[in-house]
């Protein structure tokens, strides 16, 4: 069974962001993943997203958001 880019993005939304993907999000990330062809890069994007910090750090893990946010890497454009 071959796993598609869409399958991977669905998994990221469900297990990282704890929600169903919206139509635009699935389209954007699937196209981006097909272009990049690097799952690790896309996984990193999800794990360092503001939404991930909101869902897990503030609400579920009850850790200090400011402590972890200070260590969030900044990317150059």
PDB file of N, CA and C in Angstrom:
ATOM      1  N   UNK A   1       0.843  -1.185   0.000  1.00  0.00           N
ATOM      2  CA  UNK A   1       0.000   0.000   0.000  1.00  0.00           C
ATOM      3  C   UNK A   1       0.886   1.244   0.000  1.00  0.00           C
ATOM      4  N   UNK A   2       0.670   2.100  -0.955  1.00  0.00           N
ATOM      5  CA  UNK A   2       1.448   3.323  -1.058  1.00  0.00           C
ATOM      6  C   UNK A   2       0.744   4.452  -0.300  1.00  0.00           C
ATOM      7  N   UNK A   3       1.516   5.188   0.476  1.00  0.00           N
ATOM      8  CA  UNK A   3       0.976   6.328   1.215  1.00  0.00           C
ATOM      9  C   UNK A   3       1.189   7.578   0.374  1.00  0.00           C
ATOM     10  N   UNK A   4       0.127   8.344   0.191  1.00  0.00           N
ATOM     11  CA  UNK A   4       0.199   9.555  -0.625  1.00  0.00           C
ATOM     12  C   UNK A   4       0.498  10.775   0.245  1.00  0.00           C
ATOM     13  N   UNK A   5       0.824  11.874  -0.411  1.00  0.00           N
ATOM     14  CA  UNK A   5       1.062  13.142   0.290  1.00  0.00           C
ATOM     15  C   UNK A   5      -0.200  13.551   1.055  1.00  0.00           C
ATOM     16  N   UNK A   6      -1.349  13.334   0.465  1.00  0.00           N
ATOM     17  CA  UNK A   6      -2.622  13.670   1.124  1.00  0.00           C
ATOM     18  C   UNK A   6      -2.802  12.853   2.409  1.00  0.00           C
ATOM     19  N   UNK A   7      -2.445  11.580   2.369  1.00  0.00           N
ATOM     20  CA  UNK A   7      -2.513  10.727   3.564  1.00  0.00           C
ATOM     21  C   UNK A   7      -1.631  11.277   4.679  1.00  0.00           C
ATOM     22  N   UNK A   8      -0.426  11.668   4.319  1.00  0.00           N
ATOM     23  CA  UNK A   8       0.516  12.199   5.305  1.00  0.00           C
ATOM     24  C   UNK A   8      -0.018  13.483   5.922  1.00  0.00           C
ATOM     25  N   UNK A   9      -0.539  14.375   5.102  1.00  0.00           N
ATOM     26  CA  UNK A   9      -1.072  15.644   5.609  1.00  0.00           C
ATOM     27  C   UNK A   9      -2.271  15.388   6.513  1.00  0.00           C
ATOM     28  N   UNK A  10      -3.136  14.462   6.136  1.00  0.00           N
ATOM     29  CA  UNK A  10      -4.269  14.099   7.005  1.00  0.00           C
ATOM     30  C   UNK A  10      -3.783  13.611   8.361  1.00  0.00           C
ATOM     31  N   UNK A  11      -2.758  12.788   8.373  1.00  0.00           N
ATOM     32  CA  UNK A  11      -2.187  12.286   9.631  1.00  0.00           C
ATOM     33  C   UNK A  11      -1.642  13.438  10.462  1.00  0.00           C
ATOM     34  N   UNK A  12      -0.921  14.345   9.827  1.00  0.00           N
ATOM     35  CA  UNK A  12      -0.361  15.494  10.548  1.00  0.00           C
ATOM     36  C   UNK A  12      -1.463  16.317  11.200  1.00  0.00           C
ATOM     37  N   UNK A  13      -2.536  16.587  10.454  1.00  0.00           N
ATOM     38  CA  UNK A  13      -3.648  17.370  11.015  1.00  0.00           C
ATOM     39  C   UNK A  13      -4.278  16.637  12.203  1.00  0.00           C
ATOM     40  N   UNK A  14      -4.553  15.363  12.030  1.00  0.00           N
ATOM     41  CA  UNK A  14      -5.277  14.619  13.062  1.00  0.00           C
ATOM     42  C   UNK A  14      -4.444  14.371  14.311  1.00  0.00           C
ATOM     43  N   UNK A  15      -3.164  14.044  14.144  1.00  0.00           N
ATOM     44  CA  UNK A  15      -2.349  13.666  15.294  1.00  0.00           C
ATOM     45  C   UNK A  15      -1.498  14.798  15.860  1.00  0.00           C
ATOM     46  N   UNK A  16      -1.208  15.797  15.055  1.00  0.00           N
ATOM     47  CA  UNK A  16      -0.410  16.917  15.558  1.00  0.00           C
ATOM     48  C   UNK A  16      -1.310  18.069  15.985  1.00  0.00           C
ATOM     49  N   UNK A  17      -2.271  18.429  15.123  1.00  0.00           N
ATOM     50  CA  UNK A  17      -3.144  19.561  15.431  1.00  0.00           C
ATOM     51  C   UNK A  17      -4.475  19.134  16.046  1.00  0.00           C
ATOM     52  N   UNK A  18      -4.723  17.825  16.126  1.00  0.00           N
ATOM     53  CA  UNK A  18      -5.939  17.274  16.747  1.00  0.00           C
ATOM     54  C   UNK A  18      -7.222  17.816  16.136  1.00  0.00           C
ATOM     55  N   UNK A  19      -7.248  17.878  14.833  1.00  0.00           N
ATOM     56  CA  UNK A  19      -8.467  18.317  14.152  1.00  0.00           C
ATOM     57  C   UNK A  19      -8.464  17.800  12.722  1.00  0.00           C
ATOM     58  N   UNK A  20      -9.635  17.880  12.126  1.00  0.00           N
ATOM     59  CA  UNK A  20      -9.761  17.526  10.716  1.00  0.00           C
ATOM     60  C   UNK A  20      -9.193  18.663   9.871  1.00  0.00           C
ATOM     61  N   UNK A  21      -8.542  18.344   8.766  1.00  0.00           N
ATOM     62  CA  UNK A  21      -8.006  19.403   7.913  1.00  0.00           C
ATOM     63  C   UNK A  21      -9.118  20.136   7.166  1.00  0.00           C
ATOM     64  N   UNK A  22      -8.902  21.436   6.970  1.00  0.00           N
ATOM     65  CA  UNK A  22      -9.837  22.182   6.145  1.00  0.00           C
ATOM     66  C   UNK A  22      -9.429  22.002   4.682  1.00  0.00           C
ATOM     67  N   UNK A  23     -10.344  22.300   3.786  1.00  0.00           N
ATOM     68  CA  UNK A  23     -10.125  22.066   2.361  1.00  0.00           C
ATOM     69  C   UNK A  23      -8.903  22.804   1.838  1.00  0.00           C
ATOM     70  N   UNK A  24      -8.782  24.067   2.186  1.00  0.00           N
ATOM     71  CA  UNK A  24      -7.649  24.863   1.704  1.00  0.00           C
ATOM     72  C   UNK A  24      -6.333  24.367   2.302  1.00  0.00           C
ATOM     73  N   UNK A  25      -6.353  24.010   3.573  1.00  0.00           N
ATOM     74  CA  UNK A  25      -5.146  23.524   4.226  1.00  0.00           C
ATOM     75  C   UNK A  25      -4.640  22.235   3.610  1.00  0.00           C
ATOM     76  N   UNK A  26      -5.553  21.305   3.371  1.00  0.00           N
ATOM     77  CA  UNK A  26      -5.147  20.027   2.784  1.00  0.00           C
ATOM     78  C   UNK A  26      -4.600  20.243   1.376  1.00  0.00           C
ATOM     79  N   UNK A  27      -5.233  21.138   0.628  1.00  0.00           N
ATOM     80  CA  UNK A  27      -4.784  21.428  -0.736  1.00  0.00           C
ATOM     81  C   UNK A  27      -3.391  22.068  -0.720  1.00  0.00           C
ATOM     82  N   UNK A  28      -3.218  23.074   0.116  1.00  0.00           N
ATOM     83  CA  UNK A  28      -1.932  23.777   0.188  1.00  0.00           C
ATOM     84  C   UNK A  28      -0.807  22.839   0.618  1.00  0.00           C
ATOM     85  N   UNK A  29      -1.012  22.147   1.721  1.00  0.00           N
ATOM     86  CA  UNK A  29       0.048  21.307   2.259  1.00  0.00           C
ATOM     87  C   UNK A  29       0.352  20.106   1.364  1.00  0.00           C
ATOM     88  N   UNK A  30      -0.661  19.543   0.723  1.00  0.00           N
ATOM     89  CA  UNK A  30      -0.436  18.423  -0.187  1.00  0.00           C
ATOM     90  C   UNK A  30       0.370  18.874  -1.389  1.00  0.00           C
ATOM     91  N   UNK A  31      -0.013  20.003  -1.982  1.00  0.00           N
ATOM     92  CA  UNK A  31       0.747  20.531  -3.121  1.00  0.00           C
ATOM     93  C   UNK A  31       2.169  20.869  -2.711  1.00  0.00           C
ATOM     94  N   UNK A  32       2.318  21.478  -1.543  1.00  0.00           N
ATOM     95  CA  UNK A  32       3.632  21.849  -1.036  1.00  0.00           C
ATOM     96  C   UNK A  32       4.484  20.610  -0.796  1.00  0.00           C
ATOM     97  N   UNK A  33       3.907  19.584  -0.204  1.00  0.00           N
ATOM     98  CA  UNK A  33       4.647  18.351   0.068  1.00  0.00           C
ATOM     99  C   UNK A  33       5.047  17.664  -1.229  1.00  0.00           C
ATOM    100  N   UNK A  34       4.168  17.671  -2.216  1.00  0.00           N
ATOM    101  CA  UNK A  34       4.502  17.077  -3.511  1.00  0.00           C
ATOM    102  C   UNK A  34       5.656  17.830  -4.172  1.00  0.00           C
ATOM    103  N   UNK A  35       5.688  19.135  -3.974  1.00  0.00           N
ATOM    104  CA  UNK A  35       6.748  19.951  -4.556  1.00  0.00           C
ATOM    105  C   UNK A  35       8.063  19.743  -3.807  1.00  0.00           C
ATOM    106  N   UNK A  36       8.007  19.789  -2.481  1.00  0.00           N
ATOM    107  CA  UNK A  36       9.207  19.632  -1.665  1.00  0.00           C
ATOM    108  C   UNK A  36       9.723  18.206  -1.670  1.00  0.00           C
ATOM    109  N   UNK A  37       8.791  17.265  -1.661  1.00  0.00           N
ATOM    110  CA  UNK A  37       9.105  15.845  -1.576  1.00  0.00           C
ATOM    111  C   UNK A  37       9.958  15.522  -0.346  1.00  0.00           C
ATOM    112  N   UNK A  38       9.706  16.279   0.729  1.00  0.00           N
ATOM    113  CA  UNK A  38      10.428  16.040   1.976  1.00  0.00           C
ATOM    114  C   UNK A  38       9.442  16.034   3.126  1.00  0.00           C
ATOM    115  N   UNK A  39       9.134  14.863   3.627  1.00  0.00           N
ATOM    116  CA  UNK A  39       8.179  14.721   4.715  1.00  0.00           C
ATOM    117  C   UNK A  39       8.704  15.406   5.968  1.00  0.00           C
ATOM    118  N   UNK A  40       9.989  15.288   6.239  1.00  0.00           N
ATOM    119  CA  UNK A  40      10.580  15.883   7.431  1.00  0.00           C
ATOM    120  C   UNK A  40      10.401  17.390   7.479  1.00  0.00           C
ATOM    121  N   UNK A  41      10.542  18.043   6.353  1.00  0.00           N
ATOM    122  CA  UNK A  41      10.365  19.495   6.286  1.00  0.00           C
ATOM    123  C   UNK A  41       8.932  19.876   6.627  1.00  0.00           C
ATOM    124  N   UNK A  42       7.987  19.146   6.098  1.00  0.00           N
ATOM    125  CA  UNK A  42       6.572  19.430   6.358  1.00  0.00           C
ATOM    126  C   UNK A  42       6.215  19.098   7.797  1.00  0.00           C
ATOM    127  N   UNK A  43       6.730  18.001   8.336  1.00  0.00           N
ATOM    128  CA  UNK A  43       6.497  17.642   9.730  1.00  0.00           C
ATOM    129  C   UNK A  43       7.029  18.742  10.645  1.00  0.00           C
ATOM    130  N   UNK A  44       8.197  19.238  10.360  1.00  0.00           N
ATOM    131  CA  UNK A  44       8.802  20.317  11.139  1.00  0.00           C
ATOM    132  C   UNK A  44       7.901  21.548  11.114  1.00  0.00           C
ATOM    133  N   UNK A  45       7.340  21.861   9.958  1.00  0.00           N
ATOM    134  CA  UNK A  45       6.441  23.015   9.823  1.00  0.00           C
ATOM    135  C   UNK A  45       5.223  22.864  10.741  1.00  0.00           C
ATOM    136  N   UNK A  46       4.639  21.668  10.773  1.00  0.00           N
ATOM    137  CA  UNK A  46       3.481  21.427  11.637  1.00  0.00           C
ATOM    138  C   UNK A  46       3.865  21.505  13.112  1.00  0.00           C
ATOM    139  N   UNK A  47       4.981  20.898  13.476  1.00  0.00           N
ATOM    140  CA  UNK A  47       5.380  20.853  14.884  1.00  0.00           C
ATOM    141  C   UNK A  47       5.801  22.206  15.440  1.00  0.00           C
ATOM    142  N   UNK A  48       6.208  23.114  14.589  1.00  0.00           N
ATOM    143  CA  UNK A  48       6.608  24.442  15.044  1.00  0.00           C
ATOM    144  C   UNK A  48       5.592  25.513  14.674  1.00  0.00           C
ATOM    145  N   UNK A  49       4.390  25.087  14.342  1.00  0.00           N
ATOM    146  CA  UNK A  49       3.333  26.046  14.002  1.00  0.00           C
ATOM    147  C   UNK A  49       2.740  26.662  15.264  1.00  0.00           C
ATOM    148  N   UNK A  50       2.199  27.853  15.118  1.00  0.00           N
ATOM    149  CA  UNK A  50       1.530  28.506  16.240  1.00  0.00           C
ATOM    150  C   UNK A  50       0.333  27.685  16.705  1.00  0.00           C
ATOM    151  N   UNK A  51      -0.359  27.046  15.766  1.00  0.00           N
ATOM    152  CA  UNK A  51      -1.522  26.234  16.135  1.00  0.00           C
ATOM    153  C   UNK A  51      -1.102  25.061  17.020  1.00  0.00           C
ATOM    154  N   UNK A  52       0.008  24.422  16.709  1.00  0.00           N
ATOM    155  CA  UNK A  52       0.490  23.321  17.545  1.00  0.00           C
ATOM    156  C   UNK A  52       0.799  23.820  18.953  1.00  0.00           C
ATOM    157  N   UNK A  53       1.464  24.949  19.050  1.00  0.00           N
ATOM    158  CA  UNK A  53       1.778  25.501  20.366  1.00  0.00           C
ATOM    159  C   UNK A  53       0.501  25.808  21.134  1.00  0.00           C
ATOM    160  N   UNK A  54      -0.503  26.358  20.456  1.00  0.00           N
ATOM    161  CA  UNK A  54      -1.771  26.665  21.110  1.00  0.00           C
ATOM    162  C   UNK A  54      -2.465  25.398  21.595  1.00  0.00           C
ATOM    163  N   UNK A  55      -2.541  24.392  20.742  1.00  0.00           N
ATOM    164  CA  UNK A  55      -3.265  23.169  21.075  1.00  0.00           C
ATOM    165  C   UNK A  55      -2.568  22.386  22.179  1.00  0.00           C
ATOM    166  N   UNK A  56      -1.290  22.135  22.042  1.00  0.00           N
ATOM    167  CA  UNK A  56      -0.597  21.260  22.973  1.00  0.00           C
ATOM    168  C   UNK A  56       0.033  21.962  24.152  1.00  0.00           C
ATOM    169  N   UNK A  57       0.690  23.054  23.899  1.00  0.00           N
ATOM    170  CA  UNK A  57       1.421  23.691  24.982  1.00  0.00           C
ATOM    171  C   UNK A  57       0.474  24.401  25.941  1.00  0.00           C
ATOM    172  N   UNK A  58      -0.414  25.217  25.424  1.00  0.00           N
ATOM    173  CA  UNK A  58      -1.318  25.977  26.291  1.00  0.00           C
ATOM    174  C   UNK A  58      -2.402  25.107  26.888  1.00  0.00           C
ATOM    175  N   UNK A  59      -3.069  24.319  26.069  1.00  0.00           N
ATOM    176  CA  UNK A  59      -4.271  23.618  26.516  1.00  0.00           C
ATOM    177  C   UNK A  59      -4.027  22.227  27.068  1.00  0.00           C
ATOM    178  N   UNK A  60      -3.216  21.423  26.427  1.00  0.00           N
ATOM    179  CA  UNK A  60      -3.131  20.021  26.804  1.00  0.00           C
ATOM    180  C   UNK A  60      -1.985  19.705  27.747  1.00  0.00           C
ATOM    181  N   UNK A  61      -0.851  20.300  27.552  1.00  0.00           N
ATOM    182  CA  UNK A  61       0.295  19.948  28.374  1.00  0.00           C
ATOM    183  C   UNK A  61       0.456  20.881  29.558  1.00  0.00           C
ATOM    184  N   UNK A  62      -0.196  22.028  29.527  1.00  0.00           N
ATOM    185  CA  UNK A  62      -0.162  22.991  30.625  1.00  0.00           C
ATOM    186  C   UNK A  62       1.260  23.410  30.989  1.00  0.00           C
ATOM    187  N   UNK A  63       2.101  23.527  29.992  1.00  0.00           N
ATOM    188  CA  UNK A  63       3.459  24.003  30.223  1.00  0.00           C
ATOM    189  C   UNK A  63       3.502  25.508  29.982  1.00  0.00           C
ATOM    190  N   UNK A  64       4.529  26.114  30.407  1.00  0.00           N
ATOM    191  CA  UNK A  64       4.693  27.541  30.201  1.00  0.00           C
ATOM    192  C   UNK A  64       4.956  27.823  28.727  1.00  0.00           C
ATOM    193  N   UNK A  65       4.017  28.482  28.084  1.00  0.00           N
ATOM    194  CA  UNK A  65       4.142  28.806  26.668  1.00  0.00           C
ATOM    195  C   UNK A  65       5.353  29.703  26.428  1.00  0.00           C
ATOM    196  N   UNK A  66       5.563  30.659  27.280  1.00  0.00           N
ATOM    197  CA  UNK A  66       6.672  31.589  27.064  1.00  0.00           C
ATOM    198  C   UNK A  66       8.022  30.882  27.152  1.00  0.00           C
ATOM    199  N   UNK A  67       8.144  29.897  28.026  1.00  0.00           N
ATOM    200  CA  UNK A  67       9.384  29.139  28.151  1.00  0.00           C
ATOM    201  C   UNK A  67       9.737  28.448  26.843  1.00  0.00           C
ATOM    202  N   UNK A  68       8.745  27.787  26.219  1.00  0.00           N
ATOM    203  CA  UNK A  68       9.011  27.078  24.972  1.00  0.00           C
ATOM    204  C   UNK A  68       9.040  28.005  23.769  1.00  0.00           C
ATOM    205  N   UNK A  69       8.246  29.046  23.783  1.00  0.00           N
ATOM    206  CA  UNK A  69       8.198  29.976  22.664  1.00  0.00           C
ATOM    207  C   UNK A  69       9.543  30.668  22.474  1.00  0.00           C
ATOM    208  N   UNK A  70      10.235  30.924  23.579  1.00  0.00           N
ATOM    209  CA  UNK A  70      11.559  31.548  23.497  1.00  0.00           C
ATOM    210  C   UNK A  70      12.523  30.661  22.713  1.00  0.00           C
ATOM    211  N   UNK A  71      12.325  29.373  22.775  1.00  0.00           N
ATOM    212  CA  UNK A  71      13.230  28.434  22.112  1.00  0.00           C
ATOM    213  C   UNK A  71      12.744  28.021  20.728  1.00  0.00           C
ATOM    214  N   UNK A  72      11.631  28.572  20.292  1.00  0.00           N
ATOM    215  CA  UNK A  72      11.093  28.254  18.973  1.00  0.00           C
ATOM    216  C   UNK A  72      12.027  28.844  17.916  1.00  0.00           C
ATOM    217  N   UNK A  73      12.539  28.013  17.005  1.00  0.00           N
ATOM    218  CA  UNK A  73      13.484  28.531  16.024  1.00  0.00           C
ATOM    219  C   UNK A  73      12.828  29.502  15.051  1.00  0.00           C
ATOM    220  N   UNK A  74      13.570  30.479  14.645  1.00  0.00           N
ATOM    221  CA  UNK A  74      13.099  31.462  13.672  1.00  0.00           C
ATOM    222  C   UNK A  74      13.678  31.100  12.309  1.00  0.00           C
ATOM    223  N   UNK A  75      12.847  31.162  11.301  1.00  0.00           N
ATOM    224  CA  UNK A  75      13.287  30.827   9.959  1.00  0.00           C
ATOM    225  C   UNK A  75      13.465  32.092   9.134  1.00  0.00           C
ATOM    226  N   UNK A  76      14.483  32.083   8.329  1.00  0.00           N
ATOM    227  CA  UNK A  76      14.716  33.218   7.434  1.00  0.00           C
ATOM    228  C   UNK A  76      13.928  32.997   6.166  1.00  0.00           C
ATOM    229  N   UNK A  77      13.403  34.085   5.611  1.00  0.00           N
ATOM    230  CA  UNK A  77      12.629  33.971   4.363  1.00  0.00           C
ATOM    231  C   UNK A  77      13.536  33.931   3.170  1.00  0.00           C
TER     232      UNK A  77
END
